[in-house]
Amino acid sequence: MSVKQYLCGPCLVDKGEIVGIVYCRECEEPLCGHCKQDHARTKVSKHHKLVDFADVPPKEIHEFLKNLIACPNHEKQEVVYLCKDHDMSCCNKCAMADHRKCEEVKVLSDIVNDKWIVPD
């Protein structure tokens, strides 16, 4: 990450350039010590996962991974389902609009968990 990416996101909004000490995976931005405390107190963000910068993938890899899970029809939606009838992944919106009548629409996480469970 470049130095600019280590600057606290919320503080940058207020024109302050304070170095971040942790990274919030959900908000995808660094946080300084003060903002980290605020983040932990706020109802909407108190359960966010804060990690060290060493645990944050490089921006290129992060963007690549985001593109892999993005719905091809709704960029801001993540794919959640696999429609086996059409052999394609889809988000909630697509599942409701285009795959309601399909016979086999599975939750991706269920498929992954079923495949990796080793029988006794």
PDB file of N, CA and C in Angstrom:
ATOM      1  N   MET A   1       0.844  -1.188   0.000  1.00  0.00           N
ATOM      2  CA  MET A   1       0.000   0.000   0.000  1.00  0.00           C
ATOM      3  C   MET A   1       0.881   1.240   0.000  1.00  0.00           C
ATOM      4  N   SER A   2       0.457   2.247  -0.695  1.00  0.00           N
ATOM      5  CA  SER A   2       1.214   3.493  -0.692  1.00  0.00           C
ATOM      6  C   SER A   2       0.906   4.268   0.580  1.00  0.00           C
ATOM      7  N   VAL A   3       1.696   5.292   0.848  1.00  0.00           N
ATOM      8  CA  VAL A   3       1.515   6.096   2.055  1.00  0.00           C
ATOM      9  C   VAL A   3       0.117   6.710   2.080  1.00  0.00           C
ATOM     10  N   LYS A   4      -0.382   7.176   0.952  1.00  0.00           N
ATOM     11  CA  LYS A   4      -1.700   7.804   0.873  1.00  0.00           C
ATOM     12  C   LYS A   4      -2.794   6.847   1.352  1.00  0.00           C
ATOM     13  N   GLN A   5      -2.645   5.558   1.069  1.00  0.00           N
ATOM     14  CA  GLN A   5      -3.649   4.585   1.467  1.00  0.00           C
ATOM     15  C   GLN A   5      -3.625   4.299   2.969  1.00  0.00           C
ATOM     16  N   TYR A   6      -2.571   4.662   3.666  1.00  0.00           N
ATOM     17  CA  TYR A   6      -2.502   4.454   5.107  1.00  0.00           C
ATOM     18  C   TYR A   6      -3.138   5.595   5.887  1.00  0.00           C
ATOM     19  N   LEU A   7      -3.549   6.659   5.216  1.00  0.00           N
ATOM     20  CA  LEU A   7      -4.157   7.787   5.905  1.00  0.00           C
ATOM     21  C   LEU A   7      -5.595   7.449   6.295  1.00  0.00           C
ATOM     22  N   CYS A   8      -5.997   7.873   7.475  1.00  0.00           N
ATOM     23  CA  CYS A   8      -7.327   7.591   8.010  1.00  0.00           C
ATOM     24  C   CYS A   8      -8.403   8.144   7.075  1.00  0.00           C
ATOM     25  N   GLY A   9      -9.298   7.269   6.622  1.00  0.00           N
ATOM     26  CA  GLY A   9     -10.358   7.650   5.697  1.00  0.00           C
ATOM     27  C   GLY A   9     -11.306   8.702   6.247  1.00  0.00           C
ATOM     28  N   PRO A  10     -11.899   8.485   7.438  1.00  0.00           N
ATOM     29  CA  PRO A  10     -12.811   9.492   7.974  1.00  0.00           C
ATOM     30  C   PRO A  10     -12.130  10.846   8.221  1.00  0.00           C
ATOM     31  N   CYS A  11     -10.883  10.837   8.637  1.00  0.00           N
ATOM     32  CA  CYS A  11     -10.176  12.101   8.880  1.00  0.00           C
ATOM     33  C   CYS A  11      -9.874  12.838   7.578  1.00  0.00           C
ATOM     34  N   LEU A  12      -9.637  12.107   6.496  1.00  0.00           N
ATOM     35  CA  LEU A  12      -9.387  12.736   5.202  1.00  0.00           C
ATOM     36  C   LEU A  12     -10.594  13.536   4.736  1.00  0.00           C
ATOM     37  N   VAL A  13     -11.790  13.071   5.087  1.00  0.00           N
ATOM     38  CA  VAL A  13     -13.014  13.779   4.722  1.00  0.00           C
ATOM     39  C   VAL A  13     -13.000  15.176   5.344  1.00  0.00           C
ATOM     40  N   ASP A  14     -12.467  15.272   6.559  1.00  0.00           N
ATOM     41  CA  ASP A  14     -12.387  16.554   7.262  1.00  0.00           C
ATOM     42  C   ASP A  14     -11.077  17.279   6.989  1.00  0.00           C
ATOM     43  N   LYS A  15     -10.383  16.907   5.939  1.00  0.00           N
ATOM     44  CA  LYS A  15      -9.122  17.518   5.502  1.00  0.00           C
ATOM     45  C   LYS A  15      -7.957  17.262   6.461  1.00  0.00           C
ATOM     46  N   GLY A  16      -8.080  16.272   7.340  1.00  0.00           N
ATOM     47  CA  GLY A  16      -6.981  15.919   8.229  1.00  0.00           C
ATOM     48  C   GLY A  16      -6.210  14.744   7.671  1.00  0.00           C
ATOM     49  N   GLU A  17      -4.897  14.851   7.673  1.00  0.00           N
ATOM     50  CA  GLU A  17      -4.078  13.740   7.179  1.00  0.00           C
ATOM     51  C   GLU A  17      -3.427  13.030   8.365  1.00  0.00           C
ATOM     52  N   ILE A  18      -4.204  12.151   8.986  1.00  0.00           N
ATOM     53  CA  ILE A  18      -3.744  11.402  10.152  1.00  0.00           C
ATOM     54  C   ILE A  18      -3.503   9.961   9.710  1.00  0.00           C
ATOM     55  N   VAL A  19      -2.382   9.422  10.108  1.00  0.00           N
ATOM     56  CA  VAL A  19      -2.011   8.066   9.707  1.00  0.00           C
ATOM     57  C   VAL A  19      -2.917   7.055  10.379  1.00  0.00           C
ATOM     58  N   GLY A  20      -3.402   6.098   9.589  1.00  0.00           N
ATOM     59  CA  GLY A  20      -4.244   5.033  10.111  1.00  0.00           C
ATOM     60  C   GLY A  20      -3.406   3.992  10.828  1.00  0.00           C
ATOM     61  N   ILE A  21      -4.016   3.348  11.855  1.00  0.00           N
ATOM     62  CA  ILE A  21      -3.305   2.302  12.601  1.00  0.00           C
ATOM     63  C   ILE A  21      -3.898   0.920  12.355  1.00  0.00           C
ATOM     64  N   VAL A  22      -5.160   0.873  11.878  1.00  0.00           N
ATOM     65  CA  VAL A  22      -5.818  -0.385  11.528  1.00  0.00           C
ATOM     66  C   VAL A  22      -6.602  -0.180  10.237  1.00  0.00           C
ATOM     67  N   TYR A  23      -7.034  -1.304   9.649  1.00  0.00           N
ATOM     68  CA  TYR A  23      -7.811  -1.258   8.416  1.00  0.00           C
ATOM     69  C   TYR A  23      -9.144  -1.952   8.656  1.00  0.00           C
ATOM     70  N   CYS A  24     -10.251  -1.318   8.274  1.00  0.00           N
ATOM     71  CA  CYS A  24     -11.572  -1.917   8.395  1.00  0.00           C
ATOM     72  C   CYS A  24     -11.898  -2.610   7.077  1.00  0.00           C
ATOM     73  N   ARG A  25     -12.080  -3.919   7.149  1.00  0.00           N
ATOM     74  CA  ARG A  25     -12.363  -4.700   5.930  1.00  0.00           C
ATOM     75  C   ARG A  25     -13.728  -4.340   5.331  1.00  0.00           C
ATOM     76  N   GLU A  26     -14.730  -4.095   6.167  1.00  0.00           N
ATOM     77  CA  GLU A  26     -16.060  -3.790   5.660  1.00  0.00           C
ATOM     78  C   GLU A  26     -16.118  -2.407   5.011  1.00  0.00           C
ATOM     79  N   CYS A  27     -15.509  -1.429   5.647  1.00  0.00           N
ATOM     80  CA  CYS A  27     -15.520  -0.061   5.102  1.00  0.00           C
ATOM     81  C   CYS A  27     -14.427   0.143   4.050  1.00  0.00           C
ATOM     82  N   GLU A  28     -13.468  -0.777   4.035  1.00  0.00           N
ATOM     83  CA  GLU A  28     -12.351  -0.727   3.094  1.00  0.00           C
ATOM     84  C   GLU A  28     -11.566   0.573   3.209  1.00  0.00           C
ATOM     85  N   GLU A  29     -11.222   0.915   4.471  1.00  0.00           N
ATOM     86  CA  GLU A  29     -10.415   2.111   4.686  1.00  0.00           C
ATOM     87  C   GLU A  29      -9.638   2.026   6.000  1.00  0.00           C
ATOM     88  N   PRO A  30      -8.502   2.724   6.043  1.00  0.00           N
ATOM     89  CA  PRO A  30      -7.718   2.794   7.280  1.00  0.00           C
ATOM     90  C   PRO A  30      -8.419   3.673   8.317  1.00  0.00           C
ATOM     91  N   LEU A  31      -8.127   3.415   9.583  1.00  0.00           N
ATOM     92  CA  LEU A  31      -8.667   4.208  10.678  1.00  0.00           C
ATOM     93  C   LEU A  31      -7.550   4.590  11.634  1.00  0.00           C
ATOM     94  N   CYS A  32      -7.569   5.836  12.099  1.00  0.00           N
ATOM     95  CA  CYS A  32      -6.612   6.271  13.125  1.00  0.00           C
ATOM     96  C   CYS A  32      -7.119   5.768  14.482  1.00  0.00           C
ATOM     97  N   GLY A  33      -6.376   6.015  15.548  1.00  0.00           N
ATOM     98  CA  GLY A  33      -6.759   5.555  16.885  1.00  0.00           C
ATOM     99  C   GLY A  33      -8.102   6.101  17.331  1.00  0.00           C
ATOM    100  N   HIS A  34      -8.345   7.393  17.094  1.00  0.00           N
ATOM    101  CA  HIS A  34      -9.610   8.024  17.502  1.00  0.00           C
ATOM    102  C   HIS A  34     -10.782   7.444  16.716  1.00  0.00           C
ATOM    103  N   CYS A  35     -10.623   7.339  15.409  1.00  0.00           N
ATOM    104  CA  CYS A  35     -11.702   6.802  14.567  1.00  0.00           C
ATOM    105  C   CYS A  35     -11.933   5.312  14.843  1.00  0.00           C
ATOM    106  N   LYS A  36     -10.880   4.606  15.228  1.00  0.00           N
ATOM    107  CA  LYS A  36     -11.020   3.187  15.599  1.00  0.00           C
ATOM    108  C   LYS A  36     -11.950   3.066  16.803  1.00  0.00           C
ATOM    109  N   GLN A  37     -11.752   3.940  17.789  1.00  0.00           N
ATOM    110  CA  GLN A  37     -12.608   3.922  18.981  1.00  0.00           C
ATOM    111  C   GLN A  37     -14.052   4.271  18.608  1.00  0.00           C
ATOM    112  N   ASP A  38     -14.230   5.296  17.771  1.00  0.00           N
ATOM    113  CA  ASP A  38     -15.578   5.670  17.330  1.00  0.00           C
ATOM    114  C   ASP A  38     -16.236   4.530  16.567  1.00  0.00           C
ATOM    115  N   HIS A  39     -15.463   3.871  15.749  1.00  0.00           N
ATOM    116  CA  HIS A  39     -15.953   2.750  14.944  1.00  0.00           C
ATOM    117  C   HIS A  39     -16.472   1.636  15.851  1.00  0.00           C
ATOM    118  N   ALA A  40     -15.752   1.386  16.944  1.00  0.00           N
ATOM    119  CA  ALA A  40     -16.129   0.322  17.883  1.00  0.00           C
ATOM    120  C   ALA A  40     -17.366   0.699  18.707  1.00  0.00           C
ATOM    121  N   ARG A  41     -17.641   1.983  18.845  1.00  0.00           N
ATOM    122  CA  ARG A  41     -18.787   2.435  19.639  1.00  0.00           C
ATOM    123  C   ARG A  41     -20.072   2.582  18.825  1.00  0.00           C
ATOM    124  N   THR A  42     -19.934   2.780  17.534  1.00  0.00           N
ATOM    125  CA  THR A  42     -21.097   3.027  16.683  1.00  0.00           C
ATOM    126  C   THR A  42     -21.824   1.720  16.401  1.00  0.00           C
ATOM    127  N   LYS A  43     -23.141   1.733  16.583  1.00  0.00           N
ATOM    128  CA  LYS A  43     -23.951   0.521  16.448  1.00  0.00           C
ATOM    129  C   LYS A  43     -23.761  -0.156  15.088  1.00  0.00           C
ATOM    130  N   VAL A  44     -23.729   0.625  14.036  1.00  0.00           N
ATOM    131  CA  VAL A  44     -23.668   0.058  12.689  1.00  0.00           C
ATOM    132  C   VAL A  44     -22.290  -0.528  12.355  1.00  0.00           C
ATOM    133  N   SER A  45     -21.234  -0.085  13.021  1.00  0.00           N
ATOM    134  CA  SER A  45     -19.888  -0.544  12.664  1.00  0.00           C
ATOM    135  C   SER A  45     -19.144  -1.278  13.774  1.00  0.00           C
ATOM    136  N   LYS A  46     -19.764  -1.455  14.919  1.00  0.00           N
ATOM    137  CA  LYS A  46     -19.026  -2.039  16.043  1.00  0.00           C
ATOM    138  C   LYS A  46     -18.632  -3.497  15.836  1.00  0.00           C
ATOM    139  N   HIS A  47     -19.257  -4.192  14.878  1.00  0.00           N
ATOM    140  CA  HIS A  47     -18.901  -5.587  14.619  1.00  0.00           C
ATOM    141  C   HIS A  47     -18.022  -5.737  13.372  1.00  0.00           C
ATOM    142  N   HIS A  48     -17.558  -4.629  12.821  1.00  0.00           N
ATOM    143  CA  HIS A  48     -16.673  -4.701  11.660  1.00  0.00           C
ATOM    144  C   HIS A  48     -15.341  -5.325  12.048  1.00  0.00           C
ATOM    145  N   LYS A  49     -14.718  -5.990  11.097  1.00  0.00           N
ATOM    146  CA  LYS A  49     -13.439  -6.644  11.341  1.00  0.00           C
ATOM    147  C   LYS A  49     -12.306  -5.661  11.058  1.00  0.00           C
ATOM    148  N   LEU A  50     -11.552  -5.318  12.099  1.00  0.00           N
ATOM    149  CA  LEU A  50     -10.399  -4.434  11.971  1.00  0.00           C
ATOM    150  C   LEU A  50      -9.143  -5.287  11.972  1.00  0.00           C
ATOM    151  N   VAL A  51      -8.257  -5.038  11.001  1.00  0.00           N
ATOM    152  CA  VAL A  51      -7.050  -5.855  10.861  1.00  0.00           C
ATOM    153  C   VAL A  51      -5.819  -4.968  10.722  1.00  0.00           C
ATOM    154  N   ASP A  52      -4.657  -5.588  10.927  1.00  0.00           N
ATOM    155  CA  ASP A  52      -3.387  -4.897  10.693  1.00  0.00           C
ATOM    156  C   ASP A  52      -3.186  -4.727   9.196  1.00  0.00           C
ATOM    157  N   PHE A  53      -2.395  -3.750   8.819  1.00  0.00           N
ATOM    158  CA  PHE A  53      -2.143  -3.496   7.400  1.00  0.00           C
ATOM    159  C   PHE A  53      -1.440  -4.675   6.728  1.00  0.00           C
ATOM    160  N   ALA A  54      -0.711  -5.462   7.492  1.00  0.00           N
ATOM    161  CA  ALA A  54      -0.027  -6.630   6.933  1.00  0.00           C
ATOM    162  C   ALA A  54      -1.036  -7.669   6.427  1.00  0.00           C
ATOM    163  N   ASP A  55      -2.266  -7.644   6.970  1.00  0.00           N
ATOM    164  CA  ASP A  55      -3.299  -8.608   6.581  1.00  0.00           C
ATOM    165  C   ASP A  55      -4.205  -8.106   5.457  1.00  0.00           C
ATOM    166  N   VAL A  56      -3.880  -6.939   4.907  1.00  0.00           N
ATOM    167  CA  VAL A  56      -4.682  -6.367   3.831  1.00  0.00           C
ATOM    168  C   VAL A  56      -4.013  -6.695   2.496  1.00  0.00           C
ATOM    169  N   PRO A  57      -4.753  -7.327   1.573  1.00  0.00           N
ATOM    170  CA  PRO A  57      -4.132  -7.655   0.287  1.00  0.00           C
ATOM    171  C   PRO A  57      -3.829  -6.385  -0.511  1.00  0.00           C
ATOM    172  N   PRO A  58      -2.857  -6.449  -1.413  1.00  0.00           N
ATOM    173  CA  PRO A  58      -2.582  -5.286  -2.259  1.00  0.00           C
ATOM    174  C   PRO A  58      -3.851  -4.875  -3.022  1.00  0.00           C
ATOM    175  N   LYS A  59      -3.947  -3.609  -3.352  1.00  0.00           N
ATOM    176  CA  LYS A  59      -5.142  -3.059  -3.989  1.00  0.00           C
ATOM    177  C   LYS A  59      -5.517  -3.819  -5.264  1.00  0.00           C
ATOM    178  N   GLU A  60      -4.522  -4.211  -6.061  1.00  0.00           N
ATOM    179  CA  GLU A  60      -4.802  -4.914  -7.312  1.00  0.00           C
ATOM    180  C   GLU A  60      -5.495  -6.250  -7.043  1.00  0.00           C
ATOM    181  N   ILE A  61      -5.016  -6.972  -6.036  1.00  0.00           N
ATOM    182  CA  ILE A  61      -5.610  -8.264  -5.681  1.00  0.00           C
ATOM    183  C   ILE A  61      -7.009  -8.055  -5.108  1.00  0.00           C
ATOM    184  N   HIS A  62      -7.151  -7.035  -4.282  1.00  0.00           N
ATOM    185  CA  HIS A  62      -8.458  -6.720  -3.697  1.00  0.00           C
ATOM    186  C   HIS A  62      -9.477  -6.419  -4.800  1.00  0.00           C
ATOM    187  N   GLU A  63      -9.102  -5.620  -5.781  1.00  0.00           N
ATOM    188  CA  GLU A  63     -10.001  -5.292  -6.897  1.00  0.00           C
ATOM    189  C   GLU A  63     -10.329  -6.539  -7.717  1.00  0.00           C
ATOM    190  N   PHE A  64      -9.344  -7.381  -7.943  1.00  0.00           N
ATOM    191  CA  PHE A  64      -9.553  -8.617  -8.691  1.00  0.00           C
ATOM    192  C   PHE A  64     -10.573  -9.508  -7.978  1.00  0.00           C
ATOM    193  N   LEU A  65     -10.415  -9.667  -6.664  1.00  0.00           N
ATOM    194  CA  LEU A  65     -11.338 -10.492  -5.887  1.00  0.00           C
ATOM    195  C   LEU A  65     -12.745  -9.904  -5.883  1.00  0.00           C
ATOM    196  N   LYS A  66     -12.841  -8.581  -5.790  1.00  0.00           N
ATOM    197  CA  LYS A  66     -14.152  -7.927  -5.831  1.00  0.00           C
ATOM    198  C   LYS A  66     -14.842  -8.189  -7.163  1.00  0.00           C
ATOM    199  N   ASN A  67     -14.080  -8.145  -8.249  1.00  0.00           N
ATOM    200  CA  ASN A  67     -14.655  -8.397  -9.571  1.00  0.00           C
ATOM    201  C   ASN A  67     -15.133  -9.833  -9.717  1.00  0.00           C
ATOM    202  N   LEU A  68     -14.462 -10.768  -9.067  1.00  0.00           N
ATOM    203  CA  LEU A  68     -14.870 -12.175  -9.139  1.00  0.00           C
ATOM    204  C   LEU A  68     -16.239 -12.417  -8.514  1.00  0.00           C
ATOM    205  N   ILE A  69     -16.544 -11.679  -7.462  1.00  0.00           N
ATOM    206  CA  ILE A  69     -17.814 -11.913  -6.765  1.00  0.00           C
ATOM    207  C   ILE A  69     -18.893 -10.902  -7.147  1.00  0.00           C
ATOM    208  N   ALA A  70     -18.581  -9.978  -8.052  1.00  0.00           N
ATOM    209  CA  ALA A  70     -19.570  -8.981  -8.473  1.00  0.00           C
ATOM    210  C   ALA A  70     -20.553  -9.596  -9.457  1.00  0.00           C
ATOM    211  N   CYS A  71     -21.806  -9.252  -9.303  1.00  0.00           N
ATOM    212  CA  CYS A  71     -22.835  -9.717 -10.227  1.00  0.00           C
ATOM    213  C   CYS A  71     -22.608  -9.065 -11.586  1.00  0.00           C
ATOM    214  N   PRO A  72     -22.645  -9.833 -12.663  1.00  0.00           N
ATOM    215  CA  PRO A  72     -22.429  -9.252 -13.989  1.00  0.00           C
ATOM    216  C   PRO A  72     -23.522  -8.257 -14.393  1.00  0.00           C
ATOM    217  N   ASN A  73     -24.718  -8.381 -13.803  1.00  0.00           N
ATOM    218  CA  ASN A  73     -25.827  -7.484 -14.144  1.00  0.00           C
ATOM    219  C   ASN A  73     -25.992  -6.320 -13.173  1.00  0.00           C
ATOM    220  N   HIS A  74     -25.509  -6.489 -11.955  1.00  0.00           N
ATOM    221  CA  HIS A  74     -25.634  -5.457 -10.914  1.00  0.00           C
ATOM    222  C   HIS A  74     -24.282  -5.313 -10.220  1.00  0.00           C
ATOM    223  N   GLU A  75     -23.457  -4.404 -10.700  1.00  0.00           N
ATOM    224  CA  GLU A  75     -22.065  -4.272 -10.243  1.00  0.00           C
ATOM    225  C   GLU A  75     -21.906  -4.147  -8.739  1.00  0.00           C
ATOM    226  N   LYS A  76     -22.846  -3.512  -8.074  1.00  0.00           N
ATOM    227  CA  LYS A  76     -22.706  -3.280  -6.636  1.00  0.00           C
ATOM    228  C   LYS A  76     -23.235  -4.441  -5.797  1.00  0.00           C
ATOM    229  N   GLN A  77     -23.760  -5.461  -6.454  1.00  0.00           N
ATOM    230  CA  GLN A  77     -24.284  -6.633  -5.750  1.00  0.00           C
ATOM    231  C   GLN A  77     -23.293  -7.786  -5.852  1.00  0.00           C
ATOM    232  N   GLU A  78     -23.195  -8.564  -4.792  1.00  0.00           N
ATOM    233  CA  GLU A  78     -22.343  -9.752  -4.815  1.00  0.00           C
ATOM    234  C   GLU A  78     -23.170 -10.959  -5.245  1.00  0.00           C
ATOM    235  N   VAL A  79     -22.533 -11.866  -5.976  1.00  0.00           N
ATOM    236  CA  VAL A  79     -23.230 -13.103  -6.331  1.00  0.00           C
ATOM    237  C   VAL A  79     -23.392 -13.942  -5.068  1.00  0.00           C
ATOM    238  N   VAL A  80     -24.572 -14.512  -4.925  1.00  0.00           N
ATOM    239  CA  VAL A  80     -24.921 -15.281  -3.738  1.00  0.00           C
ATOM    240  C   VAL A  80     -25.398 -16.677  -4.113  1.00  0.00           C
ATOM    241  N   TYR A  81     -25.963 -16.792  -5.299  1.00  0.00           N
ATOM    242  CA  TYR A  81     -26.591 -18.041  -5.730  1.00  0.00           C
ATOM    243  C   TYR A  81     -25.925 -18.605  -6.977  1.00  0.00           C
ATOM    244  N   LEU A  82     -26.130 -19.906  -7.160  1.00  0.00           N
ATOM    245  CA  LEU A  82     -25.756 -20.570  -8.396  1.00  0.00           C
ATOM    246  C   LEU A  82     -27.026 -21.201  -8.948  1.00  0.00           C
ATOM    247  N   CYS A  83     -27.401 -20.777 -10.152  1.00  0.00           N
ATOM    248  CA  CYS A  83     -28.546 -21.376 -10.829  1.00  0.00           C
ATOM    249  C   CYS A  83     -27.996 -22.515 -11.671  1.00  0.00           C
ATOM    250  N   LYS A  84     -28.287 -23.735 -11.253  1.00  0.00           N
ATOM    251  CA  LYS A  84     -27.781 -24.900 -11.975  1.00  0.00           C
ATOM    252  C   LYS A  84     -28.521 -25.092 -13.299  1.00  0.00           C
ATOM    253  N   ASP A  85     -29.748 -24.614 -13.384  1.00  0.00           N
ATOM    254  CA  ASP A  85     -30.499 -24.707 -14.639  1.00  0.00           C
ATOM    255  C   ASP A  85     -29.815 -23.931 -15.763  1.00  0.00           C
ATOM    256  N   HIS A  86     -29.287 -22.752 -15.413  1.00  0.00           N
ATOM    257  CA  HIS A  86     -28.633 -21.893 -16.402  1.00  0.00           C
ATOM    258  C   HIS A  86     -27.110 -21.906 -16.280  1.00  0.00           C
ATOM    259  N   ASP A  87     -26.593 -22.646 -15.304  1.00  0.00           N
ATOM    260  CA  ASP A  87     -25.154 -22.733 -15.052  1.00  0.00           C
ATOM    261  C   ASP A  87     -24.525 -21.348 -14.935  1.00  0.00           C
ATOM    262  N   MET A  88     -25.087 -20.530 -14.021  1.00  0.00           N
ATOM    263  CA  MET A  88     -24.552 -19.194 -13.812  1.00  0.00           C
ATOM    264  C   MET A  88     -24.785 -18.750 -12.372  1.00  0.00           C
ATOM    265  N   SER A  89     -23.902 -17.868 -11.910  1.00  0.00           N
ATOM    266  CA  SER A  89     -24.061 -17.301 -10.582  1.00  0.00           C
ATOM    267  C   SER A  89     -24.888 -16.025 -10.697  1.00  0.00           C
ATOM    268  N   CYS A  90     -25.547 -15.661  -9.579  1.00  0.00           N
ATOM    269  CA  CYS A  90     -26.388 -14.471  -9.608  1.00  0.00           C
ATOM    270  C   CYS A  90     -26.540 -13.882  -8.211  1.00  0.00           C
ATOM    271  N   CYS A  91     -26.921 -12.616  -8.188  1.00  0.00           N
ATOM    272  CA  CYS A  91     -27.160 -11.907  -6.931  1.00  0.00           C
ATOM    273  C   CYS A  91     -28.623 -12.101  -6.515  1.00  0.00           C
ATOM    274  N   ASN A  92     -29.010 -11.497  -5.396  1.00  0.00           N
ATOM    275  CA  ASN A  92     -30.388 -11.600  -4.922  1.00  0.00           C
ATOM    276  C   ASN A  92     -31.375 -11.049  -5.941  1.00  0.00           C
ATOM    277  N   LYS A  93     -31.033  -9.897  -6.536  1.00  0.00           N
ATOM    278  CA  LYS A  93     -31.935  -9.271  -7.503  1.00  0.00           C
ATOM    279  C   LYS A  93     -32.159 -10.171  -8.713  1.00  0.00           C
ATOM    280  N   CYS A  94     -31.077 -10.726  -9.253  1.00  0.00           N
ATOM    281  CA  CYS A  94     -31.191 -11.614 -10.417  1.00  0.00           C
ATOM    282  C   CYS A  94     -31.971 -12.875 -10.065  1.00  0.00           C
ATOM    283  N   ALA A  95     -31.712 -13.417  -8.885  1.00  0.00           N
ATOM    284  CA  ALA A  95     -32.402 -14.642  -8.471  1.00  0.00           C
ATOM    285  C   ALA A  95     -33.908 -14.408  -8.433  1.00  0.00           C
ATOM    286  N   MET A  96     -34.322 -13.267  -7.902  1.00  0.00           N
ATOM    287  CA  MET A  96     -35.756 -12.968  -7.810  1.00  0.00           C
ATOM    288  C   MET A  96     -36.352 -12.649  -9.178  1.00  0.00           C
ATOM    289  N   ALA A  97     -35.635 -11.924 -10.003  1.00  0.00           N
ATOM    290  CA  ALA A  97     -36.179 -11.486 -11.283  1.00  0.00           C
ATOM    291  C   ALA A  97     -36.077 -12.548 -12.370  1.00  0.00           C
ATOM    292  N   ASP A  98     -34.951 -13.243 -12.450  1.00  0.00           N
ATOM    293  CA  ASP A  98     -34.681 -14.113 -13.594  1.00  0.00           C
ATOM    294  C   ASP A  98     -34.693 -15.611 -13.292  1.00  0.00           C
ATOM    295  N   HIS A  99     -34.606 -15.980 -12.020  1.00  0.00           N
ATOM    296  CA  HIS A  99     -34.438 -17.406 -11.700  1.00  0.00           C
ATOM    297  C   HIS A  99     -35.481 -17.930 -10.705  1.00  0.00           C
ATOM    298  N   ARG A 100     -36.564 -17.194 -10.548  1.00  0.00           N
ATOM    299  CA  ARG A 100     -37.604 -17.618  -9.596  1.00  0.00           C
ATOM    300  C   ARG A 100     -38.194 -18.972  -9.952  1.00  0.00           C
ATOM    301  N   LYS A 101     -38.331 -19.250 -11.218  1.00  0.00           N
ATOM    302  CA  LYS A 101     -38.978 -20.494 -11.652  1.00  0.00           C
ATOM    303  C   LYS A 101     -37.989 -21.615 -11.935  1.00  0.00           C
ATOM    304  N   CYS A 102     -36.719 -21.375 -11.732  1.00  0.00           N
ATOM    305  CA  CYS A 102     -35.709 -22.404 -11.986  1.00  0.00           C
ATOM    306  C   CYS A 102     -35.801 -23.496 -10.921  1.00  0.00           C
ATOM    307  N   GLU A 103     -35.477 -24.704 -11.325  1.00  0.00           N
ATOM    308  CA  GLU A 103     -35.575 -25.863 -10.439  1.00  0.00           C
ATOM    309  C   GLU A 103     -34.468 -25.904  -9.384  1.00  0.00           C
ATOM    310  N   GLU A 104     -33.246 -25.581  -9.801  1.00  0.00           N
ATOM    311  CA  GLU A 104     -32.111 -25.698  -8.882  1.00  0.00           C
ATOM    312  C   GLU A 104     -31.342 -24.385  -8.755  1.00  0.00           C
ATOM    313  N   VAL A 105     -31.705 -23.614  -7.750  1.00  0.00           N
ATOM    314  CA  VAL A 105     -30.972 -22.396  -7.402  1.00  0.00           C
ATOM    315  C   VAL A 105     -30.426 -22.641  -6.004  1.00  0.00           C
ATOM    316  N   LYS A 106     -29.105 -22.700  -5.892  1.00  0.00           N
ATOM    317  CA  LYS A 106     -28.446 -23.036  -4.620  1.00  0.00           C
ATOM    318  C   LYS A 106     -27.656 -21.846  -4.089  1.00  0.00           C
ATOM    319  N   VAL A 107     -27.545 -21.756  -2.779  1.00  0.00           N
ATOM    320  CA  VAL A 107     -26.712 -20.738  -2.146  1.00  0.00           C
ATOM    321  C   VAL A 107     -25.255 -21.167  -2.312  1.00  0.00           C
ATOM    322  N   LEU A 108     -24.426 -20.270  -2.845  1.00  0.00           N
ATOM    323  CA  LEU A 108     -23.023 -20.613  -3.112  1.00  0.00           C
ATOM    324  C   LEU A 108     -22.283 -21.098  -1.873  1.00  0.00           C
ATOM    325  N   SER A 109     -22.490 -20.434  -0.751  1.00  0.00           N
ATOM    326  CA  SER A 109     -21.771 -20.841   0.462  1.00  0.00           C
ATOM    327  C   SER A 109     -22.159 -22.253   0.886  1.00  0.00           C
ATOM    328  N   ASP A 110     -23.416 -22.642   0.670  1.00  0.00           N
ATOM    329  CA  ASP A 110     -23.843 -24.008   0.991  1.00  0.00           C
ATOM    330  C   ASP A 110     -23.139 -25.016   0.086  1.00  0.00           C
ATOM    331  N   ILE A 111     -23.007 -24.680  -1.188  1.00  0.00           N
ATOM    332  CA  ILE A 111     -22.340 -25.566  -2.137  1.00  0.00           C
ATOM    333  C   ILE A 111     -20.878 -25.751  -1.745  1.00  0.00           C
ATOM    334  N   VAL A 112     -20.213 -24.650  -1.417  1.00  0.00           N
ATOM    335  CA  VAL A 112     -18.800 -24.707  -1.038  1.00  0.00           C
ATOM    336  C   VAL A 112     -18.638 -25.523   0.239  1.00  0.00           C
ATOM    337  N   ASN A 113     -19.481 -25.275   1.227  1.00  0.00           N
ATOM    338  CA  ASN A 113     -19.387 -26.016   2.495  1.00  0.00           C
ATOM    339  C   ASN A 113     -19.646 -27.502   2.284  1.00  0.00           C
ATOM    340  N   ASP A 114     -20.609 -27.854   1.443  1.00  0.00           N
ATOM    341  CA  ASP A 114     -20.906 -29.266   1.170  1.00  0.00           C
ATOM    342  C   ASP A 114     -19.744 -29.960   0.474  1.00  0.00           C
ATOM    343  N   LYS A 115     -19.069 -29.255  -0.415  1.00  0.00           N
ATOM    344  CA  LYS A 115     -17.966 -29.849  -1.189  1.00  0.00           C
ATOM    345  C   LYS A 115     -16.730 -30.091  -0.327  1.00  0.00           C
ATOM    346  N   TRP A 116     -16.528 -29.260   0.689  1.00  0.00           N
ATOM    347  CA  TRP A 116     -15.290 -29.339   1.469  1.00  0.00           C
ATOM    348  C   TRP A 116     -15.445 -30.102   2.771  1.00  0.00           C
ATOM    349  N   ILE A 117     -16.633 -30.593   3.070  1.00  0.00           N
ATOM    350  CA  ILE A 117     -16.828 -31.388   4.283  1.00  0.00           C
ATOM    351  C   ILE A 117     -16.367 -32.810   3.984  1.00  0.00           C
ATOM    352  N   VAL A 118     -15.420 -33.261   4.753  1.00  0.00           N
ATOM    353  CA  VAL A 118     -14.872 -34.604   4.568  1.00  0.00           C
ATOM    354  C   VAL A 118     -15.687 -35.569   5.405  1.00  0.00           C
ATOM    355  N   PRO A 119     -16.244 -36.623   4.789  1.00  0.00           N
ATOM    356  CA  PRO A 119     -17.037 -37.587   5.558  1.00  0.00           C
ATOM    357  C   PRO A 119     -16.149 -38.374   6.533  1.00  0.00           C
ATOM    358  N   ASP A 120     -16.744 -38.781   7.640  1.00  0.00           N
ATOM    359  CA  ASP A 120     -16.008 -39.542   8.663  1.00  0.00           C
ATOM    360  C   ASP A 120     -15.692 -40.939   8.194  1.00  0.00           C
TER     361      ASP A 120
END
